[in-house]
Amino acid sequence: MGGRSFDKKLPTNVRDRIAAYVRENSPTVDELYDWLDELLSPRGISTSRSAAHRYLQRYGDLAKDMERERAVAEALVGAFGEEPDSKVARANIELMHAIISKTTRDPETGGLVKLEPQEAMFLASALQKLESASKTNVERVAKIREQVIEEVVKKAIEAAKKGAAKAGVTLGKDALEQIRSELGLIR
């Protein structure tokens, strides 16, 4: 099995510049090789056309995965509608988990990637935010359900009052509490 990819040995700011160059220019292998040579040779780092080709393949595979995930998310939003919905939120959380899972795997070997301390911190933070989003989503759904139930109860009580008034009967506080009780909504 080969050693680490040339870009993994570079400082983060240089890796970011390479990724930005590839993202913005969609270079050919030769264009990337020439650009890398200009960028890295003053630093005493050499690379090869093969390394440039492998980088473009990895980057292309990652870009395809991200585009596929984006298409799935857009399809889900299309299926569930534009409004915030617990299903969409749940789908987004699941998609984020899938993306995190993919980013912790080496695309060449399929094994786990050794994370730098800062990367591990960001990953832990992302997972914590996902869990928080999941909890917030559950709480939001529960609150919406509670509001819907309250609205239904109000409408049911108003309908009972109107029906009783038509029959010439006035519903007292005890009768209204009994209705709430029958609906399982005693407070």
N, C-alpha and C. Protein backbone atom coordinates (compact mmCIF):
# COMPACT_ATOMS: atom_id res chain seq x y z
N MET A 1 0.84 -1.17 0.00
CA MET A 1 0.00 0.00 0.00
C MET A 1 0.89 1.23 0.00
N GLY A 2 0.48 2.29 -0.73
CA GLY A 2 1.28 3.49 -0.86
C GLY A 2 1.29 4.31 0.40
N GLY A 3 2.19 5.33 0.40
CA GLY A 3 2.28 6.23 1.54
C GLY A 3 1.16 7.26 1.50
N ARG A 4 1.30 8.22 2.37
CA ARG A 4 0.30 9.28 2.43
C ARG A 4 0.32 10.07 1.13
N SER A 5 -0.84 10.59 0.76
CA SER A 5 -0.94 11.42 -0.42
C SER A 5 -0.10 12.68 -0.23
N PHE A 6 0.43 13.21 -1.33
CA PHE A 6 1.31 14.36 -1.21
C PHE A 6 0.63 15.52 -0.48
N ASP A 7 -0.65 15.72 -0.73
CA ASP A 7 -1.34 16.86 -0.13
C ASP A 7 -1.53 16.70 1.38
N LYS A 8 -1.56 15.48 1.87
CA LYS A 8 -1.73 15.25 3.31
C LYS A 8 -0.50 15.70 4.09
N LYS A 9 0.64 15.78 3.41
CA LYS A 9 1.87 16.19 4.06
C LYS A 9 2.02 17.72 4.13
N LEU A 10 1.12 18.42 3.44
CA LEU A 10 1.24 19.87 3.34
C LEU A 10 0.51 20.57 4.49
N PRO A 11 0.93 21.80 4.79
CA PRO A 11 0.20 22.57 5.81
C PRO A 11 -1.24 22.82 5.35
N THR A 12 -2.11 23.02 6.30
CA THR A 12 -3.54 23.19 6.01
C THR A 12 -3.80 24.34 5.05
N ASN A 13 -3.10 25.47 5.24
CA ASN A 13 -3.35 26.62 4.37
C ASN A 13 -3.00 26.32 2.91
N VAL A 14 -1.96 25.50 2.69
CA VAL A 14 -1.58 25.13 1.32
C VAL A 14 -2.61 24.15 0.75
N ARG A 15 -3.03 23.18 1.56
CA ARG A 15 -4.08 22.25 1.10
C ARG A 15 -5.35 23.00 0.73
N ASP A 16 -5.70 24.02 1.53
CA ASP A 16 -6.89 24.83 1.24
C ASP A 16 -6.74 25.57 -0.08
N ARG A 17 -5.53 26.09 -0.34
CA ARG A 17 -5.29 26.80 -1.62
C ARG A 17 -5.43 25.84 -2.79
N ILE A 18 -4.92 24.62 -2.63
CA ILE A 18 -5.02 23.63 -3.71
C ILE A 18 -6.49 23.29 -3.96
N ALA A 19 -7.22 23.03 -2.89
CA ALA A 19 -8.64 22.68 -3.04
C ALA A 19 -9.41 23.83 -3.70
N ALA A 20 -9.11 25.06 -3.29
CA ALA A 20 -9.78 26.23 -3.88
C ALA A 20 -9.44 26.34 -5.37
N TYR A 21 -8.18 26.13 -5.70
CA TYR A 21 -7.76 26.20 -7.11
C TYR A 21 -8.52 25.17 -7.95
N VAL A 22 -8.59 23.95 -7.46
CA VAL A 22 -9.27 22.88 -8.20
C VAL A 22 -10.76 23.19 -8.30
N ARG A 23 -11.36 23.63 -7.20
CA ARG A 23 -12.79 23.93 -7.19
C ARG A 23 -13.13 25.07 -8.17
N GLU A 24 -12.30 26.10 -8.19
CA GLU A 24 -12.60 27.28 -8.99
C GLU A 24 -12.20 27.13 -10.47
N ASN A 25 -11.21 26.29 -10.76
CA ASN A 25 -10.68 26.23 -12.12
C ASN A 25 -10.94 24.92 -12.86
N SER A 26 -11.32 23.87 -12.17
CA SER A 26 -11.52 22.56 -12.78
C SER A 26 -10.39 22.23 -13.76
N PRO A 27 -9.16 22.21 -13.26
CA PRO A 27 -8.01 22.04 -14.17
C PRO A 27 -7.88 20.61 -14.69
N THR A 28 -7.14 20.49 -15.79
CA THR A 28 -6.75 19.17 -16.27
C THR A 28 -5.60 18.70 -15.38
N VAL A 29 -5.18 17.46 -15.59
CA VAL A 29 -4.06 16.93 -14.81
C VAL A 29 -2.81 17.76 -15.06
N ASP A 30 -2.53 18.07 -16.32
CA ASP A 30 -1.33 18.85 -16.65
C ASP A 30 -1.40 20.26 -16.06
N GLU A 31 -2.58 20.90 -16.12
CA GLU A 31 -2.73 22.24 -15.55
C GLU A 31 -2.50 22.20 -14.03
N LEU A 32 -3.06 21.20 -13.37
CA LEU A 32 -2.86 21.09 -11.93
C LEU A 32 -1.39 20.82 -11.62
N TYR A 33 -0.78 19.92 -12.38
CA TYR A 33 0.64 19.60 -12.15
C TYR A 33 1.49 20.86 -12.28
N ASP A 34 1.27 21.62 -13.35
CA ASP A 34 2.06 22.85 -13.57
C ASP A 34 1.82 23.85 -12.43
N TRP A 35 0.57 24.02 -12.02
CA TRP A 35 0.24 24.95 -10.94
C TRP A 35 0.88 24.50 -9.63
N LEU A 36 0.78 23.19 -9.34
CA LEU A 36 1.39 22.65 -8.12
C LEU A 36 2.90 22.85 -8.14
N ASP A 37 3.52 22.64 -9.30
CA ASP A 37 4.96 22.81 -9.41
C ASP A 37 5.34 24.26 -9.09
N GLU A 38 4.57 25.22 -9.63
CA GLU A 38 4.81 26.63 -9.34
C GLU A 38 4.64 26.93 -7.85
N LEU A 39 3.61 26.33 -7.26
CA LEU A 39 3.30 26.59 -5.85
C LEU A 39 4.29 25.92 -4.90
N LEU A 40 4.65 24.67 -5.19
CA LEU A 40 5.41 23.87 -4.23
C LEU A 40 6.92 23.88 -4.42
N SER A 41 7.38 24.04 -5.65
CA SER A 41 8.83 23.96 -5.86
C SER A 41 9.60 25.04 -5.08
N PRO A 42 9.10 26.27 -4.92
CA PRO A 42 9.82 27.23 -4.09
C PRO A 42 9.92 26.78 -2.63
N ARG A 43 9.05 25.89 -2.21
CA ARG A 43 9.07 25.37 -0.84
C ARG A 43 9.92 24.10 -0.74
N GLY A 44 10.53 23.72 -1.88
CA GLY A 44 11.36 22.52 -1.88
C GLY A 44 10.55 21.23 -1.90
N ILE A 45 9.29 21.30 -2.36
CA ILE A 45 8.42 20.13 -2.41
C ILE A 45 8.17 19.78 -3.87
N SER A 46 8.41 18.53 -4.20
CA SER A 46 8.15 18.10 -5.57
C SER A 46 6.91 17.21 -5.60
N THR A 47 6.30 17.18 -6.77
CA THR A 47 5.13 16.32 -6.96
C THR A 47 5.23 15.70 -8.34
N SER A 48 4.25 14.93 -8.72
CA SER A 48 4.29 14.27 -10.02
C SER A 48 2.92 14.39 -10.69
N ARG A 49 2.91 14.11 -11.99
CA ARG A 49 1.64 14.11 -12.72
C ARG A 49 0.71 13.03 -12.15
N SER A 50 1.29 11.93 -11.72
CA SER A 50 0.47 10.85 -11.13
C SER A 50 -0.20 11.33 -9.85
N ALA A 51 0.55 12.07 -9.03
CA ALA A 51 -0.02 12.59 -7.78
C ALA A 51 -1.13 13.59 -8.09
N ALA A 52 -0.91 14.44 -9.11
CA ALA A 52 -1.93 15.40 -9.51
C ALA A 52 -3.18 14.66 -10.00
N HIS A 53 -2.96 13.60 -10.77
CA HIS A 53 -4.08 12.80 -11.27
C HIS A 53 -4.85 12.15 -10.13
N ARG A 54 -4.14 11.55 -9.16
CA ARG A 54 -4.81 10.92 -8.01
C ARG A 54 -5.60 11.96 -7.22
N TYR A 55 -5.01 13.15 -7.05
CA TYR A 55 -5.70 14.21 -6.32
C TYR A 55 -7.00 14.58 -7.04
N LEU A 56 -6.92 14.77 -8.35
CA LEU A 56 -8.13 15.12 -9.10
C LEU A 56 -9.18 14.01 -9.03
N GLN A 57 -8.73 12.77 -9.05
CA GLN A 57 -9.68 11.66 -8.93
C GLN A 57 -10.38 11.70 -7.58
N ARG A 58 -9.58 11.83 -6.50
CA ARG A 58 -10.16 11.90 -5.15
C ARG A 58 -11.12 13.08 -5.03
N TYR A 59 -10.65 14.23 -5.52
CA TYR A 59 -11.47 15.44 -5.45
C TYR A 59 -12.75 15.24 -6.27
N GLY A 60 -12.62 14.65 -7.45
CA GLY A 60 -13.79 14.41 -8.30
C GLY A 60 -14.78 13.46 -7.65
N ASP A 61 -14.26 12.40 -7.01
CA ASP A 61 -15.14 11.46 -6.32
C ASP A 61 -15.86 12.15 -5.16
N LEU A 62 -15.13 12.97 -4.41
CA LEU A 62 -15.74 13.70 -3.30
C LEU A 62 -16.79 14.67 -3.82
N ALA A 63 -16.46 15.38 -4.90
CA ALA A 63 -17.42 16.33 -5.49
C ALA A 63 -18.67 15.61 -5.98
N LYS A 64 -18.49 14.43 -6.59
CA LYS A 64 -19.64 13.65 -7.03
C LYS A 64 -20.49 13.21 -5.85
N ASP A 65 -19.84 12.75 -4.77
CA ASP A 65 -20.58 12.36 -3.57
C ASP A 65 -21.37 13.53 -3.01
N MET A 66 -20.71 14.69 -2.93
CA MET A 66 -21.38 15.87 -2.38
C MET A 66 -22.55 16.28 -3.28
N GLU A 67 -22.36 16.21 -4.59
CA GLU A 67 -23.44 16.56 -5.52
C GLU A 67 -24.60 15.58 -5.39
N ARG A 68 -24.28 14.31 -5.21
CA ARG A 68 -25.32 13.29 -5.02
C ARG A 68 -26.08 13.56 -3.73
N GLU A 69 -25.36 13.89 -2.65
CA GLU A 69 -26.01 14.20 -1.38
C GLU A 69 -26.88 15.46 -1.51
N ARG A 70 -26.39 16.45 -2.25
CA ARG A 70 -27.16 17.68 -2.46
C ARG A 70 -28.43 17.37 -3.24
N ALA A 71 -28.31 16.51 -4.26
CA ALA A 71 -29.48 16.14 -5.06
C ALA A 71 -30.52 15.40 -4.20
N VAL A 72 -30.03 14.52 -3.32
CA VAL A 72 -30.94 13.80 -2.43
C VAL A 72 -31.65 14.79 -1.51
N ALA A 73 -30.90 15.74 -0.95
CA ALA A 73 -31.50 16.73 -0.05
C ALA A 73 -32.53 17.56 -0.80
N GLU A 74 -32.21 17.98 -2.03
CA GLU A 74 -33.16 18.76 -2.82
C GLU A 74 -34.40 17.93 -3.14
N ALA A 75 -34.21 16.65 -3.45
CA ALA A 75 -35.36 15.78 -3.73
C ALA A 75 -36.24 15.64 -2.49
N LEU A 76 -35.60 15.53 -1.33
CA LEU A 76 -36.37 15.43 -0.09
C LEU A 76 -37.16 16.70 0.17
N VAL A 77 -36.51 17.85 -0.04
CA VAL A 77 -37.22 19.11 0.15
C VAL A 77 -38.37 19.20 -0.84
N GLY A 78 -38.14 18.76 -2.08
CA GLY A 78 -39.21 18.75 -3.08
C GLY A 78 -40.35 17.84 -2.67
N ALA A 79 -40.02 16.70 -2.10
CA ALA A 79 -41.06 15.74 -1.69
C ALA A 79 -41.83 16.22 -0.47
N PHE A 80 -41.14 16.86 0.46
CA PHE A 80 -41.78 17.28 1.70
C PHE A 80 -42.27 18.72 1.67
N GLY A 81 -41.84 19.49 0.67
CA GLY A 81 -42.27 20.89 0.59
C GLY A 81 -41.19 21.80 1.13
N GLU A 82 -41.36 23.07 0.88
CA GLU A 82 -40.37 24.07 1.28
C GLU A 82 -40.47 24.42 2.76
N GLU A 83 -41.62 24.23 3.36
CA GLU A 83 -41.79 24.62 4.75
C GLU A 83 -40.97 23.73 5.66
N PRO A 84 -40.48 24.29 6.78
CA PRO A 84 -39.77 23.45 7.74
C PRO A 84 -40.69 22.33 8.21
N ASP A 85 -40.16 21.16 8.24
CA ASP A 85 -40.96 20.00 8.59
C ASP A 85 -40.07 19.03 9.32
N SER A 86 -40.62 18.31 10.26
CA SER A 86 -39.80 17.41 11.05
C SER A 86 -39.14 16.34 10.18
N LYS A 87 -39.80 15.92 9.12
CA LYS A 87 -39.22 14.90 8.24
C LYS A 87 -38.01 15.46 7.51
N VAL A 88 -38.11 16.70 7.05
CA VAL A 88 -36.97 17.32 6.36
C VAL A 88 -35.82 17.51 7.33
N ALA A 89 -36.12 17.99 8.53
CA ALA A 89 -35.07 18.18 9.53
C ALA A 89 -34.40 16.84 9.85
N ARG A 90 -35.20 15.80 10.01
CA ARG A 90 -34.65 14.47 10.29
C ARG A 90 -33.79 14.00 9.13
N ALA A 91 -34.26 14.23 7.89
CA ALA A 91 -33.49 13.83 6.72
C ALA A 91 -32.17 14.57 6.65
N ASN A 92 -32.19 15.88 6.95
CA ASN A 92 -30.95 16.67 6.95
C ASN A 92 -29.96 16.15 7.98
N ILE A 93 -30.45 15.80 9.14
CA ILE A 93 -29.59 15.27 10.19
C ILE A 93 -28.98 13.94 9.74
N GLU A 94 -29.79 13.08 9.13
CA GLU A 94 -29.28 11.80 8.64
C GLU A 94 -28.25 12.00 7.53
N LEU A 95 -28.51 12.96 6.63
CA LEU A 95 -27.55 13.25 5.56
C LEU A 95 -26.23 13.75 6.14
N MET A 96 -26.31 14.61 7.16
CA MET A 96 -25.09 15.12 7.78
C MET A 96 -24.30 13.99 8.43
N HIS A 97 -25.00 13.06 9.09
CA HIS A 97 -24.31 11.91 9.66
C HIS A 97 -23.60 11.11 8.56
N ALA A 98 -24.26 10.93 7.43
CA ALA A 98 -23.65 10.19 6.32
C ALA A 98 -22.41 10.90 5.79
N ILE A 99 -22.50 12.22 5.67
CA ILE A 99 -21.36 13.00 5.18
C ILE A 99 -20.19 12.91 6.15
N ILE A 100 -20.47 13.03 7.44
CA ILE A 100 -19.40 12.93 8.44
C ILE A 100 -18.77 11.55 8.37
N SER A 101 -19.60 10.54 8.22
CA SER A 101 -19.08 9.17 8.14
C SER A 101 -18.14 9.03 6.94
N LYS A 102 -18.54 9.61 5.80
CA LYS A 102 -17.70 9.53 4.60
C LYS A 102 -16.39 10.29 4.77
N THR A 103 -16.43 11.43 5.45
CA THR A 103 -15.22 12.24 5.57
C THR A 103 -14.23 11.65 6.56
N THR A 104 -14.64 10.70 7.38
CA THR A 104 -13.70 10.07 8.30
C THR A 104 -13.13 8.79 7.73
N ARG A 105 -13.42 8.51 6.47
CA ARG A 105 -12.89 7.33 5.80
C ARG A 105 -11.91 7.76 4.71
N ASP A 106 -10.81 7.04 4.58
CA ASP A 106 -9.84 7.31 3.54
C ASP A 106 -10.43 6.80 2.22
N PRO A 107 -10.59 7.67 1.21
CA PRO A 107 -11.21 7.23 -0.04
C PRO A 107 -10.39 6.18 -0.78
N GLU A 108 -9.08 6.14 -0.52
CA GLU A 108 -8.24 5.17 -1.21
C GLU A 108 -8.31 3.79 -0.56
N THR A 109 -8.32 3.75 0.76
CA THR A 109 -8.27 2.46 1.46
C THR A 109 -9.58 2.06 2.11
N GLY A 110 -10.45 3.04 2.35
CA GLY A 110 -11.70 2.75 3.05
C GLY A 110 -11.52 2.70 4.56
N GLY A 111 -10.28 2.80 5.03
CA GLY A 111 -10.01 2.77 6.46
C GLY A 111 -10.28 4.13 7.10
N LEU A 112 -10.21 4.14 8.41
CA LEU A 112 -10.43 5.40 9.13
C LEU A 112 -9.27 6.36 8.89
N VAL A 113 -9.58 7.62 8.79
CA VAL A 113 -8.59 8.67 8.60
C VAL A 113 -8.11 9.11 9.97
N LYS A 114 -6.81 9.32 10.10
CA LYS A 114 -6.27 9.85 11.36
C LYS A 114 -6.52 11.36 11.34
N LEU A 115 -7.29 11.81 12.31
CA LEU A 115 -7.65 13.22 12.38
C LEU A 115 -6.64 14.00 13.21
N GLU A 116 -6.37 15.22 12.76
CA GLU A 116 -5.57 16.14 13.54
C GLU A 116 -6.44 16.58 14.73
N PRO A 117 -5.84 17.02 15.83
CA PRO A 117 -6.64 17.44 17.00
C PRO A 117 -7.72 18.47 16.66
N GLN A 118 -7.39 19.45 15.81
CA GLN A 118 -8.36 20.48 15.46
C GLN A 118 -9.50 19.86 14.64
N GLU A 119 -9.18 18.94 13.74
CA GLU A 119 -10.21 18.27 12.94
C GLU A 119 -11.13 17.44 13.84
N ALA A 120 -10.54 16.75 14.80
CA ALA A 120 -11.34 15.95 15.74
C ALA A 120 -12.27 16.86 16.54
N MET A 121 -11.76 18.03 16.93
CA MET A 121 -12.58 18.98 17.68
C MET A 121 -13.76 19.46 16.82
N PHE A 122 -13.49 19.78 15.55
CA PHE A 122 -14.55 20.23 14.66
C PHE A 122 -15.58 19.11 14.44
N LEU A 123 -15.10 17.88 14.29
CA LEU A 123 -16.01 16.75 14.09
C LEU A 123 -16.88 16.54 15.33
N ALA A 124 -16.25 16.59 16.51
CA ALA A 124 -17.00 16.45 17.76
C ALA A 124 -18.03 17.57 17.89
N SER A 125 -17.64 18.78 17.52
CA SER A 125 -18.55 19.92 17.58
C SER A 125 -19.72 19.72 16.61
N ALA A 126 -19.42 19.22 15.42
CA ALA A 126 -20.49 18.98 14.43
C ALA A 126 -21.46 17.92 14.94
N LEU A 127 -20.92 16.85 15.53
CA LEU A 127 -21.79 15.80 16.06
C LEU A 127 -22.65 16.34 17.22
N GLN A 128 -22.04 17.16 18.07
CA GLN A 128 -22.78 17.75 19.18
C GLN A 128 -23.90 18.65 18.64
N LYS A 129 -23.60 19.41 17.60
CA LYS A 129 -24.62 20.29 17.01
C LYS A 129 -25.73 19.47 16.36
N LEU A 130 -25.37 18.34 15.76
CA LEU A 130 -26.39 17.45 15.18
C LEU A 130 -27.32 16.92 16.25
N GLU A 131 -26.74 16.48 17.35
CA GLU A 131 -27.56 15.96 18.45
C GLU A 131 -28.46 17.06 19.00
N SER A 132 -27.91 18.27 19.11
CA SER A 132 -28.70 19.40 19.59
C SER A 132 -29.83 19.71 18.61
N ALA A 133 -29.51 19.67 17.32
CA ALA A 133 -30.54 19.92 16.30
C ALA A 133 -31.62 18.86 16.37
N SER A 134 -31.21 17.62 16.58
CA SER A 134 -32.18 16.53 16.69
C SER A 134 -33.09 16.75 17.89
N LYS A 135 -32.49 17.12 19.02
CA LYS A 135 -33.28 17.37 20.24
C LYS A 135 -34.22 18.56 20.02
N THR A 136 -33.71 19.61 19.41
CA THR A 136 -34.53 20.79 19.13
C THR A 136 -35.68 20.43 18.20
N ASN A 137 -35.39 19.57 17.23
CA ASN A 137 -36.44 19.15 16.30
C ASN A 137 -37.53 18.37 17.03
N VAL A 138 -37.14 17.47 17.93
CA VAL A 138 -38.11 16.69 18.70
C VAL A 138 -38.95 17.64 19.56
N GLU A 139 -38.29 18.60 20.20
CA GLU A 139 -39.01 19.57 21.03
C GLU A 139 -39.97 20.42 20.20
N ARG A 140 -39.52 20.82 19.01
CA ARG A 140 -40.35 21.63 18.12
C ARG A 140 -41.58 20.85 17.67
N VAL A 141 -41.39 19.60 17.31
CA VAL A 141 -42.52 18.76 16.89
C VAL A 141 -43.50 18.59 18.04
N ALA A 142 -42.98 18.36 19.25
CA ALA A 142 -43.86 18.19 20.41
C ALA A 142 -44.65 19.48 20.67
N LYS A 143 -44.00 20.62 20.55
CA LYS A 143 -44.68 21.90 20.78
C LYS A 143 -45.76 22.13 19.72
N ILE A 144 -45.45 21.83 18.48
CA ILE A 144 -46.43 21.99 17.40
C ILE A 144 -47.63 21.08 17.65
N ARG A 145 -47.36 19.84 18.04
CA ARG A 145 -48.46 18.91 18.33
C ARG A 145 -49.34 19.46 19.46
N GLU A 146 -48.68 19.97 20.49
CA GLU A 146 -49.41 20.53 21.63
C GLU A 146 -50.28 21.71 21.18
N GLN A 147 -49.73 22.57 20.32
CA GLN A 147 -50.50 23.71 19.82
C GLN A 147 -51.69 23.26 18.97
N VAL A 148 -51.47 22.24 18.15
CA VAL A 148 -52.55 21.71 17.32
C VAL A 148 -53.64 21.12 18.20
N ILE A 149 -53.25 20.35 19.19
CA ILE A 149 -54.23 19.74 20.10
C ILE A 149 -55.02 20.83 20.81
N GLU A 150 -54.34 21.85 21.29
CA GLU A 150 -55.02 22.95 21.98
C GLU A 150 -56.01 23.63 21.06
N GLU A 151 -55.62 23.84 19.82
CA GLU A 151 -56.52 24.47 18.85
C GLU A 151 -57.74 23.58 18.57
N VAL A 152 -57.52 22.28 18.46
CA VAL A 152 -58.62 21.35 18.23
C VAL A 152 -59.57 21.35 19.43
N VAL A 153 -59.00 21.37 20.64
CA VAL A 153 -59.83 21.40 21.85
C VAL A 153 -60.67 22.67 21.88
N LYS A 154 -60.06 23.82 21.57
CA LYS A 154 -60.81 25.08 21.55
C LYS A 154 -61.98 25.00 20.57
N LYS A 155 -61.70 24.46 19.39
CA LYS A 155 -62.75 24.33 18.38
C LYS A 155 -63.82 23.34 18.83
N ALA A 156 -63.42 22.26 19.47
CA ALA A 156 -64.39 21.28 19.97
C ALA A 156 -65.28 21.88 21.05
N ILE A 157 -64.68 22.66 21.94
CA ILE A 157 -65.45 23.29 23.02
C ILE A 157 -66.41 24.33 22.44
N GLU A 158 -65.90 25.12 21.47
CA GLU A 158 -66.78 26.10 20.83
C GLU A 158 -67.94 25.41 20.12
N ALA A 159 -67.64 24.30 19.43
CA ALA A 159 -68.70 23.55 18.75
C ALA A 159 -69.69 22.99 19.77
N ALA A 160 -69.19 22.49 20.91
CA ALA A 160 -70.09 21.96 21.95
C ALA A 160 -70.95 23.07 22.52
N LYS A 161 -70.35 24.26 22.75
CA LYS A 161 -71.12 25.40 23.27
C LYS A 161 -72.22 25.80 22.28
N LYS A 162 -71.86 25.88 20.99
CA LYS A 162 -72.84 26.27 19.97
C LYS A 162 -73.96 25.23 19.89
N GLY A 163 -73.55 23.96 19.91
CA GLY A 163 -74.57 22.89 19.86
C GLY A 163 -75.47 22.94 21.07
N ALA A 164 -74.90 23.17 22.23
CA ALA A 164 -75.70 23.25 23.45
C ALA A 164 -76.61 24.47 23.41
N ALA A 165 -76.11 25.59 22.91
CA ALA A 165 -76.91 26.82 22.83
C ALA A 165 -78.11 26.61 21.90
N LYS A 166 -77.89 25.91 20.80
CA LYS A 166 -78.98 25.63 19.87
C LYS A 166 -80.06 24.76 20.54
N ALA A 167 -79.60 23.90 21.45
CA ALA A 167 -80.55 23.04 22.17
C ALA A 167 -81.12 23.74 23.40
N GLY A 168 -80.71 25.00 23.62
CA GLY A 168 -81.22 25.76 24.75
C GLY A 168 -80.56 25.41 26.07
N VAL A 169 -79.34 24.85 26.02
CA VAL A 169 -78.62 24.45 27.22
C VAL A 169 -77.35 25.27 27.31
N THR A 170 -76.97 25.66 28.51
CA THR A 170 -75.72 26.37 28.75
C THR A 170 -74.75 25.39 29.40
N LEU A 171 -73.56 25.30 28.83
CA LEU A 171 -72.55 24.40 29.40
C LEU A 171 -71.79 25.14 30.50
N GLY A 172 -71.77 24.57 31.67
CA GLY A 172 -71.05 25.15 32.80
C GLY A 172 -69.59 24.73 32.79
N LYS A 173 -68.88 25.25 33.76
CA LYS A 173 -67.45 24.97 33.90
C LYS A 173 -67.20 23.47 34.05
N ASP A 174 -68.06 22.77 34.84
CA ASP A 174 -67.88 21.33 35.03
C ASP A 174 -68.05 20.57 33.72
N ALA A 175 -69.02 20.98 32.92
CA ALA A 175 -69.26 20.31 31.64
C ALA A 175 -68.07 20.50 30.70
N LEU A 176 -67.53 21.72 30.69
CA LEU A 176 -66.37 21.99 29.83
C LEU A 176 -65.15 21.20 30.29
N GLU A 177 -64.95 21.10 31.59
CA GLU A 177 -63.85 20.29 32.13
C GLU A 177 -64.05 18.82 31.76
N GLN A 178 -65.30 18.36 31.77
CA GLN A 178 -65.60 16.98 31.40
C GLN A 178 -65.24 16.73 29.93
N ILE A 179 -65.52 17.70 29.08
CA ILE A 179 -65.16 17.57 27.66
C ILE A 179 -63.65 17.45 27.53
N ARG A 180 -62.93 18.34 28.23
CA ARG A 180 -61.45 18.27 28.19
C ARG A 180 -60.97 16.91 28.70
N SER A 181 -61.59 16.43 29.75
CA SER A 181 -61.22 15.14 30.35
C SER A 181 -61.45 14.01 29.35
N GLU A 182 -62.59 14.06 28.66
CA GLU A 182 -62.90 13.02 27.66
C GLU A 182 -61.90 13.03 26.52
N LEU A 183 -61.40 14.22 26.22
CA LEU A 183 -60.39 14.34 25.16
C LEU A 183 -58.98 14.04 25.67
N GLY A 184 -58.88 13.80 26.97
CA GLY A 184 -57.56 13.48 27.56
C GLY A 184 -56.69 14.70 27.72
N LEU A 185 -57.31 15.84 27.96
CA LEU A 185 -56.56 17.10 28.00
C LEU A 185 -56.79 17.91 29.26
N ILE A 186 -56.88 17.26 30.40
CA ILE A 186 -57.07 17.98 31.67
C ILE A 186 -55.79 18.74 32.00
N ARG A 187 -55.94 20.00 32.39
CA ARG A 187 -54.77 20.81 32.78
C ARG A 187 -55.00 21.40 34.12
